[in-house]
Amino acid sequence: NCFLWSANGASDLTSRRVQAFNLLGAVENVIRADVSFGGVVMYSGLENHQMTYRQTTVGAAVGILFSITYTARI
């Protein structure tokens, strides 16, 4: 399980959501580039995600909880 957080002090949730998904996309691209993580596992993939929003006096933030699944070599 992993968590990413996008915040910059501004109050615009839309831009934070876009940035959070850009970050998640970058993670997915790394996994797709080498699904074996250099031969350590047989397969890996981004399985699911769940978003959370925060609007505070210091700005808006978007977090994404996501899972990376894998099948290990024996």
PDB file of N, CA and C in Angstrom:
ATOM      1  N   ASN A   1       0.842  -1.182   0.000  1.00  0.00           N
ATOM      2  CA  ASN A   1       0.000   0.000   0.000  1.00  0.00           C
ATOM      3  C   ASN A   1       0.881   1.237   0.000  1.00  0.00           C
ATOM      4  N   CYS A   2       0.472   2.225  -0.753  1.00  0.00           N
ATOM      5  CA  CYS A   2       1.229   3.471  -0.891  1.00  0.00           C
ATOM      6  C   CYS A   2       0.267   4.655  -0.791  1.00  0.00           C
ATOM      7  N   PHE A   3       0.837   5.820  -0.539  1.00  0.00           N
ATOM      8  CA  PHE A   3       0.034   7.029  -0.439  1.00  0.00           C
ATOM      9  C   PHE A   3       0.806   8.176  -1.071  1.00  0.00           C
ATOM     10  N   LEU A   4       0.132   8.964  -1.900  1.00  0.00           N
ATOM     11  CA  LEU A   4       0.746  10.181  -2.427  1.00  0.00           C
ATOM     12  C   LEU A   4      -0.119  11.363  -2.058  1.00  0.00           C
ATOM     13  N   TRP A   5       0.504  12.515  -1.952  1.00  0.00           N
ATOM     14  CA  TRP A   5      -0.158  13.719  -1.467  1.00  0.00           C
ATOM     15  C   TRP A   5       0.218  14.870  -2.376  1.00  0.00           C
ATOM     16  N   SER A   6      -0.765  15.634  -2.836  1.00  0.00           N
ATOM     17  CA  SER A   6      -0.524  16.789  -3.687  1.00  0.00           C
ATOM     18  C   SER A   6      -1.096  18.030  -3.007  1.00  0.00           C
ATOM     19  N   ALA A   7      -0.211  18.954  -2.668  1.00  0.00           N
ATOM     20  CA  ALA A   7      -0.619  20.214  -2.029  1.00  0.00           C
ATOM     21  C   ALA A   7       0.397  21.289  -2.403  1.00  0.00           C
ATOM     22  N   ASN A   8      -0.055  22.536  -2.519  1.00  0.00           N
ATOM     23  CA  ASN A   8       0.875  23.630  -2.808  1.00  0.00           C
ATOM     24  C   ASN A   8       0.490  24.938  -2.114  1.00  0.00           C
ATOM     25  N   GLY A   9      -0.475  24.903  -1.227  1.00  0.00           N
ATOM     26  CA  GLY A   9      -0.880  26.106  -0.503  1.00  0.00           C
ATOM     27  C   GLY A   9      -2.025  26.866  -1.150  1.00  0.00           C
ATOM     28  N   ALA A  10      -2.381  26.526  -2.388  1.00  0.00           N
ATOM     29  CA  ALA A  10      -3.500  27.184  -3.067  1.00  0.00           C
ATOM     30  C   ALA A  10      -4.805  26.507  -2.657  1.00  0.00           C
ATOM     31  N   SER A  11      -5.928  27.133  -2.981  1.00  0.00           N
ATOM     32  CA  SER A  11      -7.222  26.594  -2.557  1.00  0.00           C
ATOM     33  C   SER A  11      -7.968  25.853  -3.661  1.00  0.00           C
ATOM     34  N   ASP A  12      -7.364  25.680  -4.835  1.00  0.00           N
ATOM     35  CA  ASP A  12      -8.029  25.052  -5.976  1.00  0.00           C
ATOM     36  C   ASP A  12      -7.897  23.528  -5.926  1.00  0.00           C
ATOM     37  N   LEU A  13      -9.003  22.853  -5.598  1.00  0.00           N
ATOM     38  CA  LEU A  13      -8.990  21.387  -5.534  1.00  0.00           C
ATOM     39  C   LEU A  13      -8.839  20.747  -6.907  1.00  0.00           C
ATOM     40  N   THR A  14      -9.363  21.378  -7.941  1.00  0.00           N
ATOM     41  CA  THR A  14      -9.276  20.797  -9.276  1.00  0.00           C
ATOM     42  C   THR A  14      -7.829  20.638  -9.718  1.00  0.00           C
ATOM     43  N   SER A  15      -7.023  21.661  -9.553  1.00  0.00           N
ATOM     44  CA  SER A  15      -5.614  21.567  -9.955  1.00  0.00           C
ATOM     45  C   SER A  15      -4.865  20.550  -9.104  1.00  0.00           C
ATOM     46  N   ARG A  16      -5.229  20.423  -7.836  1.00  0.00           N
ATOM     47  CA  ARG A  16      -4.583  19.422  -6.969  1.00  0.00           C
ATOM     48  C   ARG A  16      -4.960  18.018  -7.410  1.00  0.00           C
ATOM     49  N   ARG A  17      -6.215  17.820  -7.795  1.00  0.00           N
ATOM     50  CA  ARG A  17      -6.657  16.508  -8.262  1.00  0.00           C
ATOM     51  C   ARG A  17      -5.931  16.130  -9.557  1.00  0.00           C
ATOM     52  N   VAL A  18      -5.808  17.081 -10.471  1.00  0.00           N
ATOM     53  CA  VAL A  18      -5.087  16.835 -11.721  1.00  0.00           C
ATOM     54  C   VAL A  18      -3.638  16.462 -11.425  1.00  0.00           C
ATOM     55  N   GLN A  19      -2.991  17.206 -10.545  1.00  0.00           N
ATOM     56  CA  GLN A  19      -1.597  16.921 -10.196  1.00  0.00           C
ATOM     57  C   GLN A  19      -1.461  15.561  -9.512  1.00  0.00           C
ATOM     58  N   ALA A  20      -2.388  15.231  -8.637  1.00  0.00           N
ATOM     59  CA  ALA A  20      -2.331  13.930  -7.959  1.00  0.00           C
ATOM     60  C   ALA A  20      -2.448  12.796  -8.974  1.00  0.00           C
ATOM     61  N   PHE A  21      -3.357  12.924  -9.938  1.00  0.00           N
ATOM     62  CA  PHE A  21      -3.487  11.888 -10.970  1.00  0.00           C
ATOM     63  C   PHE A  21      -2.269  11.852 -11.886  1.00  0.00           C
ATOM     64  N   ASN A  22      -1.641  13.011 -12.130  1.00  0.00           N
ATOM     65  CA  ASN A  22      -0.385  13.014 -12.892  1.00  0.00           C
ATOM     66  C   ASN A  22       0.693  12.224 -12.152  1.00  0.00           C
ATOM     67  N   LEU A  23       0.772  12.413 -10.849  1.00  0.00           N
ATOM     68  CA  LEU A  23       1.747  11.665 -10.041  1.00  0.00           C
ATOM     69  C   LEU A  23       1.448  10.173 -10.059  1.00  0.00           C
ATOM     70  N   LEU A  24       0.176   9.816  -9.911  1.00  0.00           N
ATOM     71  CA  LEU A  24      -0.208   8.411  -9.960  1.00  0.00           C
ATOM     72  C   LEU A  24       0.105   7.823 -11.336  1.00  0.00           C
ATOM     73  N   GLY A  25      -0.110   8.590 -12.387  1.00  0.00           N
ATOM     74  CA  GLY A  25       0.233   8.150 -13.736  1.00  0.00           C
ATOM     75  C   GLY A  25       1.719   7.905 -13.894  1.00  0.00           C
ATOM     76  N   ALA A  26       2.541   8.750 -13.271  1.00  0.00           N
ATOM     77  CA  ALA A  26       3.991   8.555 -13.321  1.00  0.00           C
ATOM     78  C   ALA A  26       4.393   7.257 -12.624  1.00  0.00           C
ATOM     79  N   VAL A  27       3.755   6.966 -11.500  1.00  0.00           N
ATOM     80  CA  VAL A  27       4.013   5.707 -10.798  1.00  0.00           C
ATOM     81  C   VAL A  27       3.630   4.532 -11.692  1.00  0.00           C
ATOM     82  N   GLU A  28       2.473   4.625 -12.319  1.00  0.00           N
ATOM     83  CA  GLU A  28       2.014   3.555 -13.194  1.00  0.00           C
ATOM     84  C   GLU A  28       2.965   3.354 -14.378  1.00  0.00           C
ATOM     85  N   ASN A  29       3.484   4.444 -14.935  1.00  0.00           N
ATOM     86  CA  ASN A  29       4.429   4.338 -16.045  1.00  0.00           C
ATOM     87  C   ASN A  29       5.719   3.634 -15.634  1.00  0.00           C
ATOM     88  N   VAL A  30       6.195   3.902 -14.427  1.00  0.00           N
ATOM     89  CA  VAL A  30       7.395   3.223 -13.930  1.00  0.00           C
ATOM     90  C   VAL A  30       7.138   1.726 -13.796  1.00  0.00           C
ATOM     91  N   ILE A  31       5.978   1.378 -13.251  1.00  0.00           N
ATOM     92  CA  ILE A  31       5.642  -0.038 -13.094  1.00  0.00           C
ATOM     93  C   ILE A  31       5.531  -0.705 -14.465  1.00  0.00           C
ATOM     94  N   ARG A  32       4.867  -0.071 -15.413  1.00  0.00           N
ATOM     95  CA  ARG A  32       4.696  -0.652 -16.745  1.00  0.00           C
ATOM     96  C   ARG A  32       6.023  -0.788 -17.485  1.00  0.00           C
ATOM     97  N   ALA A  33       6.966   0.097 -17.200  1.00  0.00           N
ATOM     98  CA  ALA A  33       8.267   0.036 -17.872  1.00  0.00           C
ATOM     99  C   ALA A  33       9.029  -1.230 -17.494  1.00  0.00           C
ATOM    100  N   ASP A  34       8.811  -1.739 -16.287  1.00  0.00           N
ATOM    101  CA  ASP A  34       9.481  -2.972 -15.843  1.00  0.00           C
ATOM    102  C   ASP A  34       8.617  -3.656 -14.793  1.00  0.00           C
ATOM    103  N   VAL A  35       7.650  -4.452 -15.259  1.00  0.00           N
ATOM    104  CA  VAL A  35       6.702  -5.090 -14.346  1.00  0.00           C
ATOM    105  C   VAL A  35       7.369  -6.123 -13.440  1.00  0.00           C
ATOM    106  N   SER A  36       8.629  -6.481 -13.726  1.00  0.00           N
ATOM    107  CA  SER A  36       9.332  -7.450 -12.876  1.00  0.00           C
ATOM    108  C   SER A  36      10.225  -6.772 -11.840  1.00  0.00           C
ATOM    109  N   PHE A  37      10.222  -5.437 -11.800  1.00  0.00           N
ATOM    110  CA  PHE A  37      11.084  -4.687 -10.881  1.00  0.00           C
ATOM    111  C   PHE A  37      12.520  -5.201 -10.929  1.00  0.00           C
ATOM    112  N   GLY A  38      13.048  -5.282 -12.149  1.00  0.00           N
ATOM    113  CA  GLY A  38      14.429  -5.718 -12.326  1.00  0.00           C
ATOM    114  C   GLY A  38      14.633  -7.211 -12.107  1.00  0.00           C
ATOM    115  N   GLY A  39      13.581  -7.992 -12.287  1.00  0.00           N
ATOM    116  CA  GLY A  39      13.684  -9.435 -12.117  1.00  0.00           C
ATOM    117  C   GLY A  39      13.397  -9.925 -10.709  1.00  0.00           C
ATOM    118  N   VAL A  40      13.006  -9.043  -9.824  1.00  0.00           N
ATOM    119  CA  VAL A  40      12.729  -9.417  -8.433  1.00  0.00           C
ATOM    120  C   VAL A  40      11.394 -10.141  -8.302  1.00  0.00           C
ATOM    121  N   VAL A  41      10.411  -9.747  -9.108  1.00  0.00           N
ATOM    122  CA  VAL A  41       9.090 -10.377  -9.068  1.00  0.00           C
ATOM    123  C   VAL A  41       8.718 -10.828 -10.478  1.00  0.00           C
ATOM    124  N   MET A  42       7.710 -11.678 -10.572  1.00  0.00           N
ATOM    125  CA  MET A  42       7.263 -12.150 -11.881  1.00  0.00           C
ATOM    126  C   MET A  42       6.361 -11.122 -12.562  1.00  0.00           C
ATOM    127  N   TYR A  43       5.555 -10.438 -11.796  1.00  0.00           N
ATOM    128  CA  TYR A  43       4.600  -9.484 -12.343  1.00  0.00           C
ATOM    129  C   TYR A  43       4.239  -8.485 -11.253  1.00  0.00           C
ATOM    130  N   SER A  44       3.972  -7.255 -11.650  1.00  0.00           N
ATOM    131  CA  SER A  44       3.467  -6.245 -10.710  1.00  0.00           C
ATOM    132  C   SER A  44       2.496  -5.344 -11.453  1.00  0.00           C
ATOM    133  N   GLY A  45       1.663  -4.677 -10.703  1.00  0.00           N
ATOM    134  CA  GLY A  45       0.718  -3.759 -11.319  1.00  0.00           C
ATOM    135  C   GLY A  45       0.057  -2.870 -10.287  1.00  0.00           C
ATOM    136  N   LEU A  46      -0.427  -1.746 -10.755  1.00  0.00           N
ATOM    137  CA  LEU A  46      -1.191  -0.824  -9.916  1.00  0.00           C
ATOM    138  C   LEU A  46      -2.607  -1.369  -9.856  1.00  0.00           C
ATOM    139  N   GLU A  47      -3.070  -1.732  -8.654  1.00  0.00           N
ATOM    140  CA  GLU A  47      -4.349  -2.434  -8.565  1.00  0.00           C
ATOM    141  C   GLU A  47      -5.538  -1.522  -8.329  1.00  0.00           C
ATOM    142  N   ASN A  48      -5.485  -0.651  -7.357  1.00  0.00           N
ATOM    143  CA  ASN A  48      -6.649   0.181  -7.053  1.00  0.00           C
ATOM    144  C   ASN A  48      -6.196   1.487  -6.443  1.00  0.00           C
ATOM    145  N   HIS A  49      -7.112   2.425  -6.330  1.00  0.00           N
ATOM    146  CA  HIS A  49      -6.801   3.695  -5.683  1.00  0.00           C
ATOM    147  C   HIS A  49      -8.064   4.289  -5.068  1.00  0.00           C
ATOM    148  N   GLN A  50      -7.830   5.124  -4.072  1.00  0.00           N
ATOM    149  CA  GLN A  50      -8.930   5.813  -3.386  1.00  0.00           C
ATOM    150  C   GLN A  50      -8.458   7.228  -3.076  1.00  0.00           C
ATOM    151  N   MET A  51      -9.268   8.218  -3.459  1.00  0.00           N
ATOM    152  CA  MET A  51      -8.883   9.618  -3.262  1.00  0.00           C
ATOM    153  C   MET A  51      -9.444  10.168  -1.964  1.00  0.00           C
ATOM    154  N   THR A  52      -8.705  11.141  -1.425  1.00  0.00           N
ATOM    155  CA  THR A  52      -9.167  11.882  -0.260  1.00  0.00           C
ATOM    156  C   THR A  52      -8.880  13.361  -0.507  1.00  0.00           C
ATOM    157  N   TYR A  53      -9.773  14.233  -0.052  1.00  0.00           N
ATOM    158  CA  TYR A  53      -9.645  15.672  -0.255  1.00  0.00           C
ATOM    159  C   TYR A  53      -9.517  16.371   1.085  1.00  0.00           C
ATOM    160  N   ARG A  54      -8.708  17.412   1.109  1.00  0.00           N
ATOM    161  CA  ARG A  54      -8.593  18.251   2.298  1.00  0.00           C
ATOM    162  C   ARG A  54      -8.637  19.712   1.884  1.00  0.00           C
ATOM    163  N   GLN A  55      -9.442  20.492   2.542  1.00  0.00           N
ATOM    164  CA  GLN A  55      -9.498  21.933   2.341  1.00  0.00           C
ATOM    165  C   GLN A  55      -9.293  22.557   3.707  1.00  0.00           C
ATOM    166  N   THR A  56      -8.150  23.192   3.911  1.00  0.00           N
ATOM    167  CA  THR A  56      -7.822  23.772   5.215  1.00  0.00           C
ATOM    168  C   THR A  56      -7.507  25.254   5.047  1.00  0.00           C
ATOM    169  N   THR A  57      -7.165  25.899   6.117  1.00  0.00           N
ATOM    170  CA  THR A  57      -6.806  27.316   6.065  1.00  0.00           C
ATOM    171  C   THR A  57      -5.469  27.537   5.369  1.00  0.00           C
ATOM    172  N   VAL A  58      -4.689  26.494   5.165  1.00  0.00           N
ATOM    173  CA  VAL A  58      -3.405  26.618   4.467  1.00  0.00           C
ATOM    174  C   VAL A  58      -3.478  26.067   3.040  1.00  0.00           C
ATOM    175  N   GLY A  59      -4.687  25.821   2.539  1.00  0.00           N
ATOM    176  CA  GLY A  59      -4.853  25.402   1.152  1.00  0.00           C
ATOM    177  C   GLY A  59      -5.530  24.056   0.996  1.00  0.00           C
ATOM    178  N   ALA A  60      -5.664  23.676  -0.260  1.00  0.00           N
ATOM    179  CA  ALA A  60      -6.308  22.413  -0.611  1.00  0.00           C
ATOM    180  C   ALA A  60      -5.253  21.345  -0.856  1.00  0.00           C
ATOM    181  N   ALA A  61      -5.655  20.098  -0.636  1.00  0.00           N
ATOM    182  CA  ALA A  61      -4.762  18.976  -0.894  1.00  0.00           C
ATOM    183  C   ALA A  61      -5.593  17.781  -1.332  1.00  0.00           C
ATOM    184  N   VAL A  62      -4.980  16.956  -2.148  1.00  0.00           N
ATOM    185  CA  VAL A  62      -5.600  15.718  -2.588  1.00  0.00           C
ATOM    186  C   VAL A  62      -4.610  14.594  -2.319  1.00  0.00           C
ATOM    187  N   GLY A  63      -5.101  13.550  -1.681  1.00  0.00           N
ATOM    188  CA  GLY A  63      -4.279  12.381  -1.432  1.00  0.00           C
ATOM    189  C   GLY A  63      -4.861  11.180  -2.159  1.00  0.00           C
ATOM    190  N   ILE A  64      -3.986  10.274  -2.557  1.00  0.00           N
ATOM    191  CA  ILE A  64      -4.438   9.039  -3.196  1.00  0.00           C
ATOM    192  C   ILE A  64      -3.762   7.864  -2.501  1.00  0.00           C
ATOM    193  N   LEU A  65      -4.576   7.002  -1.937  1.00  0.00           N
ATOM    194  CA  LEU A  65      -4.119   5.740  -1.374  1.00  0.00           C
ATOM    195  C   LEU A  65      -4.212   4.717  -2.500  1.00  0.00           C
ATOM    196  N   PHE A  66      -3.100   4.021  -2.796  1.00  0.00           N
ATOM    197  CA  PHE A  66      -3.127   3.056  -3.885  1.00  0.00           C
ATOM    198  C   PHE A  66      -2.322   1.820  -3.518  1.00  0.00           C
ATOM    199  N   SER A  67      -2.573   0.742  -4.249  1.00  0.00           N
ATOM    200  CA  SER A  67      -1.901  -0.527  -3.989  1.00  0.00           C
ATOM    201  C   SER A  67      -1.130  -0.972  -5.213  1.00  0.00           C
ATOM    202  N   ILE A  68       0.051  -1.499  -4.972  1.00  0.00           N
ATOM    203  CA  ILE A  68       0.830  -2.153  -6.003  1.00  0.00           C
ATOM    204  C   ILE A  68       0.820  -3.638  -5.664  1.00  0.00           C
ATOM    205  N   THR A  69       0.294  -4.429  -6.577  1.00  0.00           N
ATOM    206  CA  THR A  69       0.267  -5.874  -6.358  1.00  0.00           C
ATOM    207  C   THR A  69       1.397  -6.511  -7.144  1.00  0.00           C
ATOM    208  N   TYR A  70       1.798  -7.689  -6.721  1.00  0.00           N
ATOM    209  CA  TYR A  70       2.884  -8.375  -7.419  1.00  0.00           C
ATOM    210  C   TYR A  70       2.790  -9.889  -7.141  1.00  0.00           C
ATOM    211  N   THR A  71       3.415 -10.632  -8.010  1.00  0.00           N
ATOM    212  CA  THR A  71       3.583 -12.067  -7.835  1.00  0.00           C
ATOM    213  C   THR A  71       5.077 -12.313  -7.679  1.00  0.00           C
ATOM    214  N   ALA A  72       5.453 -12.854  -6.535  1.00  0.00           N
ATOM    215  CA  ALA A  72       6.887 -13.009  -6.238  1.00  0.00           C
ATOM    216  C   ALA A  72       7.451 -14.285  -6.871  1.00  0.00           C
ATOM    217  N   ARG A  73       8.729 -14.259  -7.104  1.00  0.00           N
ATOM    218  CA  ARG A  73       9.439 -15.460  -7.559  1.00  0.00           C
ATOM    219  C   ARG A  73       9.737 -16.333  -6.357  1.00  0.00           C
ATOM    220  N   ILE A  74       9.702 -17.633  -6.560  1.00  0.00           N
ATOM    221  CA  ILE A  74      10.009 -18.558  -5.456  1.00  0.00           C
ATOM    222  C   ILE A  74      11.384 -19.136  -5.659  1.00  0.00           C
TER     223      ILE A  74
END
